[in-house]
PDB file of N, CA and C in Angstrom:
ATOM      1  N   UNK A   1      80.420  80.914  98.586  1.00  0.00           N
ATOM      2  CA  UNK A   1      81.448  81.670  99.294  1.00  0.00           C
ATOM      3  C   UNK A   1      82.781  81.443  98.595  1.00  0.00           C
ATOM      4  N   UNK A   2      83.488  82.507  98.353  1.00  0.00           N
ATOM      5  CA  UNK A   2      84.751  82.365  97.634  1.00  0.00           C
ATOM      6  C   UNK A   2      85.810  81.746  98.537  1.00  0.00           C
ATOM      7  N   UNK A   3      86.758  81.112  97.916  1.00  0.00           N
ATOM      8  CA  UNK A   3      87.824  80.433  98.661  1.00  0.00           C
ATOM      9  C   UNK A   3      88.713  81.434  99.393  1.00  0.00           C
ATOM     10  N   UNK A   4      88.873  82.658  98.843  1.00  0.00           N
ATOM     11  CA  UNK A   4      89.756  83.655  99.446  1.00  0.00           C
ATOM     12  C   UNK A   4      89.232  84.133 100.793  1.00  0.00           C
ATOM     13  N   UNK A   5      87.934  84.030 101.012  1.00  0.00           N
ATOM     14  CA  UNK A   5      87.370  84.509 102.271  1.00  0.00           C
ATOM     15  C   UNK A   5      86.995  83.367 103.210  1.00  0.00           C
ATOM     16  N   UNK A   6      87.628  82.227 103.062  1.00  0.00           N
ATOM     17  CA  UNK A   6      87.334  81.112 103.949  1.00  0.00           C
ATOM     18  C   UNK A   6      87.844  81.419 105.355  1.00  0.00           C
ATOM     19  N   UNK A   7      87.301  80.740 106.318  1.00  0.00           N
ATOM     20  CA  UNK A   7      87.640  80.978 107.722  1.00  0.00           C
ATOM     21  C   UNK A   7      89.131  80.787 108.009  1.00  0.00           C
ATOM     22  N   UNK A   8      89.778  79.747 107.537  1.00  0.00           N
ATOM     23  CA  UNK A   8      91.220  79.626 107.809  1.00  0.00           C
ATOM     24  C   UNK A   8      92.031  80.785 107.226  1.00  0.00           C
ATOM     25  N   UNK A   9      91.638  81.249 106.050  1.00  0.00           N
ATOM     26  CA  UNK A   9      92.350  82.380 105.444  1.00  0.00           C
ATOM     27  C   UNK A   9      92.190  83.631 106.294  1.00  0.00           C
ATOM     28  N   UNK A  10      90.971  83.902 106.738  1.00  0.00           N
ATOM     29  CA  UNK A  10      90.712  85.084 107.563  1.00  0.00           C
ATOM     30  C   UNK A  10      91.482  84.986 108.872  1.00  0.00           C
ATOM     31  N   UNK A  11      91.494  83.818 109.495  1.00  0.00           N
ATOM     32  CA  UNK A  11      92.239  83.641 110.744  1.00  0.00           C
ATOM     33  C   UNK A  11      93.738  83.833 110.523  1.00  0.00           C
ATOM     34  N   UNK A  12      94.253  83.331 109.420  1.00  0.00           N
ATOM     35  CA  UNK A  12      95.683  83.493 109.137  1.00  0.00           C
ATOM     36  C   UNK A  12      96.036  84.965 108.960  1.00  0.00           C
ATOM     37  N   UNK A  13      95.175  85.708 108.281  1.00  0.00           N
ATOM     38  CA  UNK A  13      95.431  87.137 108.080  1.00  0.00           C
ATOM     39  C   UNK A  13      95.385  87.872 109.413  1.00  0.00           C
ATOM     40  N   UNK A  14      94.399  87.571 110.243  1.00  0.00           N
ATOM     41  CA  UNK A  14      94.287  88.233 111.545  1.00  0.00           C
ATOM     42  C   UNK A  14      95.470  87.902 112.446  1.00  0.00           C
ATOM     43  N   UNK A  15      95.895  86.656 112.465  1.00  0.00           N
ATOM     44  CA  UNK A  15      97.040  86.281 113.294  1.00  0.00           C
ATOM     45  C   UNK A  15      98.326  86.934 112.786  1.00  0.00           C
ATOM     46  N   UNK A  16      98.475  87.038 111.494  1.00  0.00           N
ATOM     47  CA  UNK A  16      99.666  87.688 110.946  1.00  0.00           C
ATOM     48  C   UNK A  16      99.673  89.166 111.293  1.00  0.00           C
ATOM     49  N   UNK A  17      98.506  89.787 111.303  1.00  0.00           N
ATOM     50  CA  UNK A  17      98.430  91.214 111.620  1.00  0.00           C
ATOM     51  C   UNK A  17      98.683  91.466 113.097  1.00  0.00           C
ATOM     52  N   UNK A  18      98.350  90.509 113.946  1.00  0.00           N
ATOM     53  CA  UNK A  18      98.485  90.705 115.390  1.00  0.00           C
ATOM     54  C   UNK A  18      99.808  90.208 115.948  1.00  0.00           C
ATOM     55  N   UNK A  19     100.582  89.479 115.170  1.00  0.00           N
ATOM     56  CA  UNK A  19     101.819  88.922 115.709  1.00  0.00           C
ATOM     57  C   UNK A  19     102.877  90.003 115.847  1.00  0.00           C
ATOM     58  N   UNK A  20     103.818  89.760 116.749  1.00  0.00           N
ATOM     59  CA  UNK A  20     104.903  90.713 117.005  1.00  0.00           C
ATOM     60  C   UNK A  20     105.849  90.761 115.816  1.00  0.00           C
ATOM     61  N   UNK A  21     106.329  91.937 115.470  1.00  0.00           N
ATOM     62  CA  UNK A  21     107.306  91.998 114.383  1.00  0.00           C
ATOM     63  C   UNK A  21     108.633  91.400 114.836  1.00  0.00           C
ATOM     64  N   UNK A  22     109.390  90.903 113.890  1.00  0.00           N
ATOM     65  CA  UNK A  22     110.684  90.327 114.245  1.00  0.00           C
ATOM     66  C   UNK A  22     111.645  91.453 114.630  1.00  0.00           C
ATOM     67  N   UNK A  23     112.501  91.229 115.612  1.00  0.00           N
ATOM     68  CA  UNK A  23     113.442  92.279 116.016  1.00  0.00           C
ATOM     69  C   UNK A  23     114.475  92.516 114.912  1.00  0.00           C
ATOM     70  N   UNK A  24     115.019  93.709 114.839  1.00  0.00           N
ATOM     71  CA  UNK A  24     116.018  93.979 113.798  1.00  0.00           C
ATOM     72  C   UNK A  24     117.297  93.190 114.052  1.00  0.00           C
ATOM     73  N   UNK A  25     117.983  92.879 112.981  1.00  0.00           N
ATOM     74  CA  UNK A  25     119.236  92.142 113.065  1.00  0.00           C
ATOM     75  C   UNK A  25     120.313  93.080 113.607  1.00  0.00           C
ATOM     76  N   UNK A  26     120.953  92.755 114.746  1.00  0.00           N
ATOM     77  CA  UNK A  26     121.944  93.671 115.321  1.00  0.00           C
ATOM     78  C   UNK A  26     123.186  93.838 114.443  1.00  0.00           C
ATOM     79  N   UNK A  27     123.453  92.875 113.559  1.00  0.00           N
ATOM     80  CA  UNK A  27     124.637  92.979 112.718  1.00  0.00           C
ATOM     81  C   UNK A  27     124.393  93.822 111.471  1.00  0.00           C
ATOM     82  N   UNK A  28     123.148  94.133 111.176  1.00  0.00           N
ATOM     83  CA  UNK A  28     122.822  94.961 110.009  1.00  0.00           C
ATOM     84  C   UNK A  28     122.126  96.224 110.493  1.00  0.00           C
ATOM     85  N   UNK A  29     122.840  97.318 110.580  1.00  0.00           N
ATOM     86  CA  UNK A  29     122.201  98.559 111.021  1.00  0.00           C
ATOM     87  C   UNK A  29     121.182  99.022 109.982  1.00  0.00           C
ATOM     88  N   UNK A  30     120.210  99.806 110.402  1.00  0.00           N
ATOM     89  CA  UNK A  30     119.212 100.281 109.446  1.00  0.00           C
ATOM     90  C   UNK A  30     119.840 101.175 108.381  1.00  0.00           C
ATOM     91  N   UNK A  31     119.294 101.106 107.209  1.00  0.00           N
ATOM     92  CA  UNK A  31     119.795 101.910 106.090  1.00  0.00           C
ATOM     93  C   UNK A  31     119.308 103.343 106.285  1.00  0.00           C
ATOM     94  N   UNK A  32     120.223 104.313 106.240  1.00  0.00           N
ATOM     95  CA  UNK A  32     119.770 105.701 106.413  1.00  0.00           C
ATOM     96  C   UNK A  32     118.889 106.123 105.243  1.00  0.00           C
ATOM     97  N   UNK A  33     117.885 106.914 105.563  1.00  0.00           N
ATOM     98  CA  UNK A  33     116.969 107.386 104.529  1.00  0.00           C
ATOM     99  C   UNK A  33     117.570 108.606 103.842  1.00  0.00           C
ATOM    100  N   UNK A  34     117.229 108.755 102.598  1.00  0.00           N
ATOM    101  CA  UNK A  34     117.715 109.903 101.826  1.00  0.00           C
ATOM    102  C   UNK A  34     117.052 111.171 102.343  1.00  0.00           C
ATOM    103  N   UNK A  35     117.759 112.270 102.218  1.00  0.00           N
ATOM    104  CA  UNK A  35     117.202 113.552 102.645  1.00  0.00           C
ATOM    105  C   UNK A  35     116.013 113.897 101.757  1.00  0.00           C
ATOM    106  N   UNK A  36     115.059 114.575 102.351  1.00  0.00           N
ATOM    107  CA  UNK A  36     113.867 114.961 101.605  1.00  0.00           C
ATOM    108  C   UNK A  36     114.234 115.966 100.518  1.00  0.00           C
ATOM    109  N   UNK A  37     113.605 115.800  99.394  1.00  0.00           N
ATOM    110  CA  UNK A  37     113.862 116.706  98.274  1.00  0.00           C
ATOM    111  C   UNK A  37     113.237 118.064  98.575  1.00  0.00           C
ATOM    112  N   UNK A  38     113.840 119.132  98.092  1.00  0.00           N
ATOM    113  CA  UNK A  38     113.231 120.446  98.308  1.00  0.00           C
ATOM    114  C   UNK A  38     111.882 120.504  97.600  1.00  0.00           C
ATOM    115  N   UNK A  39     110.961 121.295  98.125  1.00  0.00           N
ATOM    116  CA  UNK A  39     109.639 121.344  97.498  1.00  0.00           C
ATOM    117  C   UNK A  39     109.726 121.884  96.071  1.00  0.00           C
ATOM    118  N   UNK A  40     108.850 121.388  95.246  1.00  0.00           N
ATOM    119  CA  UNK A  40     108.834 121.839  93.851  1.00  0.00           C
ATOM    120  C   UNK A  40     108.292 123.263  93.783  1.00  0.00           C
ATOM    121  N   UNK A  41     108.522 123.959  92.690  1.00  0.00           N
ATOM    122  CA  UNK A  41     107.977 125.314  92.552  1.00  0.00           C
ATOM    123  C   UNK A  41     106.454 125.334  92.646  1.00  0.00           C
ATOM    124  N   UNK A  42     105.819 124.283  92.169  1.00  0.00           N
ATOM    125  CA  UNK A  42     104.355 124.218  92.248  1.00  0.00           C
ATOM    126  C   UNK A  42     103.925 124.131  93.703  1.00  0.00           C
ATOM    127  N   UNK A  43     104.611 123.301  94.483  1.00  0.00           N
ATOM    128  CA  UNK A  43     104.282 123.177  95.900  1.00  0.00           C
ATOM    129  C   UNK A  43     104.549 124.480  96.633  1.00  0.00           C
ATOM    130  N   UNK A  44     105.650 125.133  96.319  1.00  0.00           N
ATOM    131  CA  UNK A  44     105.969 126.406  96.969  1.00  0.00           C
ATOM    132  C   UNK A  44     104.912 127.457  96.648  1.00  0.00           C
ATOM    133  N   UNK A  45     104.461 127.492  95.396  1.00  0.00           N
ATOM    134  CA  UNK A  45     103.418 128.447  95.010  1.00  0.00           C
ATOM    135  C   UNK A  45     102.106 128.125  95.713  1.00  0.00           C
ATOM    136  N   UNK A  46     101.761 126.839  95.775  1.00  0.00           N
ATOM    137  CA  UNK A  46     100.525 126.442  96.452  1.00  0.00           C
ATOM    138  C   UNK A  46     100.582 126.802  97.927  1.00  0.00           C
ATOM    139  N   UNK A  47     101.733 126.583  98.561  1.00  0.00           N
ATOM    140  CA  UNK A  47     101.873 126.946  99.972  1.00  0.00           C
ATOM    141  C   UNK A  47     101.765 128.451 100.169  1.00  0.00           C
ATOM    142  N   UNK A  48     102.292 129.233  99.221  1.00  0.00           N
ATOM    143  CA  UNK A  48     102.189 130.690  99.319  1.00  0.00           C
ATOM    144  C   UNK A  48     100.734 131.132  99.214  1.00  0.00           C
ATOM    145  N   UNK A  49      99.983 130.534  98.282  1.00  0.00           N
ATOM    146  CA  UNK A  49      98.559 130.863  98.163  1.00  0.00           C
ATOM    147  C   UNK A  49      97.799 130.456  99.419  1.00  0.00           C
ATOM    148  N   UNK A  50      98.145 129.298  99.958  1.00  0.00           N
ATOM    149  CA  UNK A  50      97.467 128.819 101.162  1.00  0.00           C
ATOM    150  C   UNK A  50      97.744 129.752 102.339  1.00  0.00           C
ATOM    151  N   UNK A  51      98.982 130.185 102.482  1.00  0.00           N
ATOM    152  CA  UNK A  51      99.330 131.120 103.554  1.00  0.00           C
ATOM    153  C   UNK A  51      98.621 132.456 103.369  1.00  0.00           C
ATOM    154  N   UNK A  52      98.540 132.935 102.119  1.00  0.00           N
ATOM    155  CA  UNK A  52      97.851 134.202 101.851  1.00  0.00           C
ATOM    156  C   UNK A  52      96.365 134.081 102.164  1.00  0.00           C
ATOM    157  N   UNK A  53      95.771 132.949 101.828  1.00  0.00           N
ATOM    158  CA  UNK A  53      94.353 132.740 102.129  1.00  0.00           C
ATOM    159  C   UNK A  53      94.127 132.687 103.634  1.00  0.00           C
ATOM    160  N   UNK A  54      95.022 132.023 104.358  1.00  0.00           N
ATOM    161  CA  UNK A  54      94.900 131.947 105.816  1.00  0.00           C
ATOM    162  C   UNK A  54      95.009 133.344 106.431  1.00  0.00           C
ATOM    163  N   UNK A  55      95.946 134.148 105.931  1.00  0.00           N
ATOM    164  CA  UNK A  55      96.098 135.520 106.428  1.00  0.00           C
ATOM    165  C   UNK A  55      94.858 136.352 106.121  1.00  0.00           C
ATOM    166  N   UNK A  56      94.276 136.167 104.929  1.00  0.00           N
ATOM    167  CA  UNK A  56      93.071 136.915 104.566  1.00  0.00           C
ATOM    168  C   UNK A  56      91.899 136.532 105.464  1.00  0.00           C
ATOM    169  N   UNK A  57      91.784 135.262 105.789  1.00  0.00           N
ATOM    170  CA  UNK A  57      90.707 134.816 106.685  1.00  0.00           C
ATOM    171  C   UNK A  57      90.889 135.435 108.065  1.00  0.00           C
ATOM    172  N   UNK A  58      92.100 135.427 108.576  1.00  0.00           N
ATOM    173  CA  UNK A  58      92.348 136.015 109.896  1.00  0.00           C
ATOM    174  C   UNK A  58      92.056 137.506 109.893  1.00  0.00           C
ATOM    175  N   UNK A  59      92.431 138.206 108.830  1.00  0.00           N
ATOM    176  CA  UNK A  59      92.169 139.645 108.752  1.00  0.00           C
ATOM    177  C   UNK A  59      90.671 139.911 108.674  1.00  0.00           C
ATOM    178  N   UNK A  60      89.953 139.101 107.906  1.00  0.00           N
ATOM    179  CA  UNK A  60      88.505 139.269 107.786  1.00  0.00           C
ATOM    180  C   UNK A  60      87.819 138.993 109.115  1.00  0.00           C
ATOM    181  N   UNK A  61      88.261 137.959 109.818  1.00  0.00           N
ATOM    182  CA  UNK A  61      87.667 137.650 111.120  1.00  0.00           C
ATOM    183  C   UNK A  61      87.951 138.757 112.123  1.00  0.00           C
ATOM    184  N   UNK A  62      89.143 139.310 112.099  1.00  0.00           N
ATOM    185  CA  UNK A  62      89.472 140.407 113.010  1.00  0.00           C
ATOM    186  C   UNK A  62      88.632 141.634 112.686  1.00  0.00           C
ATOM    187  N   UNK A  63      88.452 141.910 111.407  1.00  0.00           N
ATOM    188  CA  UNK A  63      87.639 143.059 111.003  1.00  0.00           C
ATOM    189  C   UNK A  63      86.178 142.844 111.401  1.00  0.00           C
ATOM    190  N   UNK A  64      85.663 141.637 111.248  1.00  0.00           N
ATOM    191  CA  UNK A  64      84.286 141.342 111.636  1.00  0.00           C
ATOM    192  C   UNK A  64      84.110 141.479 113.142  1.00  0.00           C
ATOM    193  N   UNK A  65      85.092 141.032 113.910  1.00  0.00           N
ATOM    194  CA  UNK A  65      85.009 141.165 115.365  1.00  0.00           C
ATOM    195  C   UNK A  65      85.030 142.632 115.767  1.00  0.00           C
ATOM    196  N   UNK A  66      85.856 143.427 115.102  1.00  0.00           N
ATOM    197  CA  UNK A  66      85.920 144.864 115.395  1.00  0.00           C
ATOM    198  C   UNK A  66      84.596 145.539 115.055  1.00  0.00           C
ATOM    199  N   UNK A  67      84.002 145.180 113.934  1.00  0.00           N
ATOM    200  CA  UNK A  67      82.710 145.750 113.562  1.00  0.00           C
ATOM    201  C   UNK A  67      81.622 145.334 114.546  1.00  0.00           C
ATOM    202  N   UNK A  68      81.678 144.088 115.027  1.00  0.00           N
ATOM    203  CA  UNK A  68      80.694 143.631 116.005  1.00  0.00           C
ATOM    204  C   UNK A  68      80.847 144.409 117.307  1.00  0.00           C
ATOM    205  N   UNK A  69      82.098 144.663 117.727  1.00  0.00           N
ATOM    206  CA  UNK A  69      82.311 145.459 118.947  1.00  0.00           C
ATOM    207  C   UNK A  69      81.800 146.881 118.759  1.00  0.00           C
ATOM    208  N   UNK A  70      82.043 147.452 117.586  1.00  0.00           N
ATOM    209  CA  UNK A  70      81.581 148.816 117.319  1.00  0.00           C
ATOM    210  C   UNK A  70      80.057 148.872 117.300  1.00  0.00           C
ATOM    211  N   UNK A  71      79.420 147.875 116.729  1.00  0.00           N
ATOM    212  CA  UNK A  71      77.956 147.842 116.702  1.00  0.00           C
ATOM    213  C   UNK A  71      77.396 147.665 118.104  1.00  0.00           C
ATOM    214  N   UNK A  72      78.067 146.859 118.911  1.00  0.00           N
ATOM    215  CA  UNK A  72      77.619 146.641 120.298  1.00  0.00           C
ATOM    216  C   UNK A  72      77.735 147.936 121.095  1.00  0.00           C
ATOM    217  N   UNK A  73      78.839 148.653 120.918  1.00  0.00           N
ATOM    218  CA  UNK A  73      79.015 149.922 121.636  1.00  0.00           C
ATOM    219  C   UNK A  73      78.009 150.960 121.160  1.00  0.00           C
ATOM    220  N   UNK A  74      77.687 150.964 119.884  1.00  0.00           N
ATOM    221  CA  UNK A  74      76.720 151.927 119.357  1.00  0.00           C
ATOM    222  C   UNK A  74      75.315 151.620 119.856  1.00  0.00           C
ATOM    223  N   UNK A  75      75.033 150.348 120.106  1.00  0.00           N
ATOM    224  CA  UNK A  75      73.704 149.958 120.575  1.00  0.00           C
ATOM    225  C   UNK A  75      73.506 150.297 122.043  1.00  0.00           C
ATOM    226  N   UNK A  76      74.552 150.496 122.779  1.00  0.00           N
ATOM    227  CA  UNK A  76      74.410 150.761 124.221  1.00  0.00           C
ATOM    228  C   UNK A  76      74.112 152.174 124.512  1.00  0.00           C
TER     229      UNK A  76
END
């Protein structure tokens, strides 16, 4: 058995994971996070393709539902 997986080591890791985090220091306010960068052109293009694919799926499903209704009415 390796030393890294000994029982005291495992217990120490579990206790560290379960312990309460220390409260923030009231004299040091949190550092504001930087604003998110605008999406890259590659991301914008990928999102456009994804939106177009989603729209195509919805249109195909609507067309299939319409055809199913038409077939049902024709069968009656």
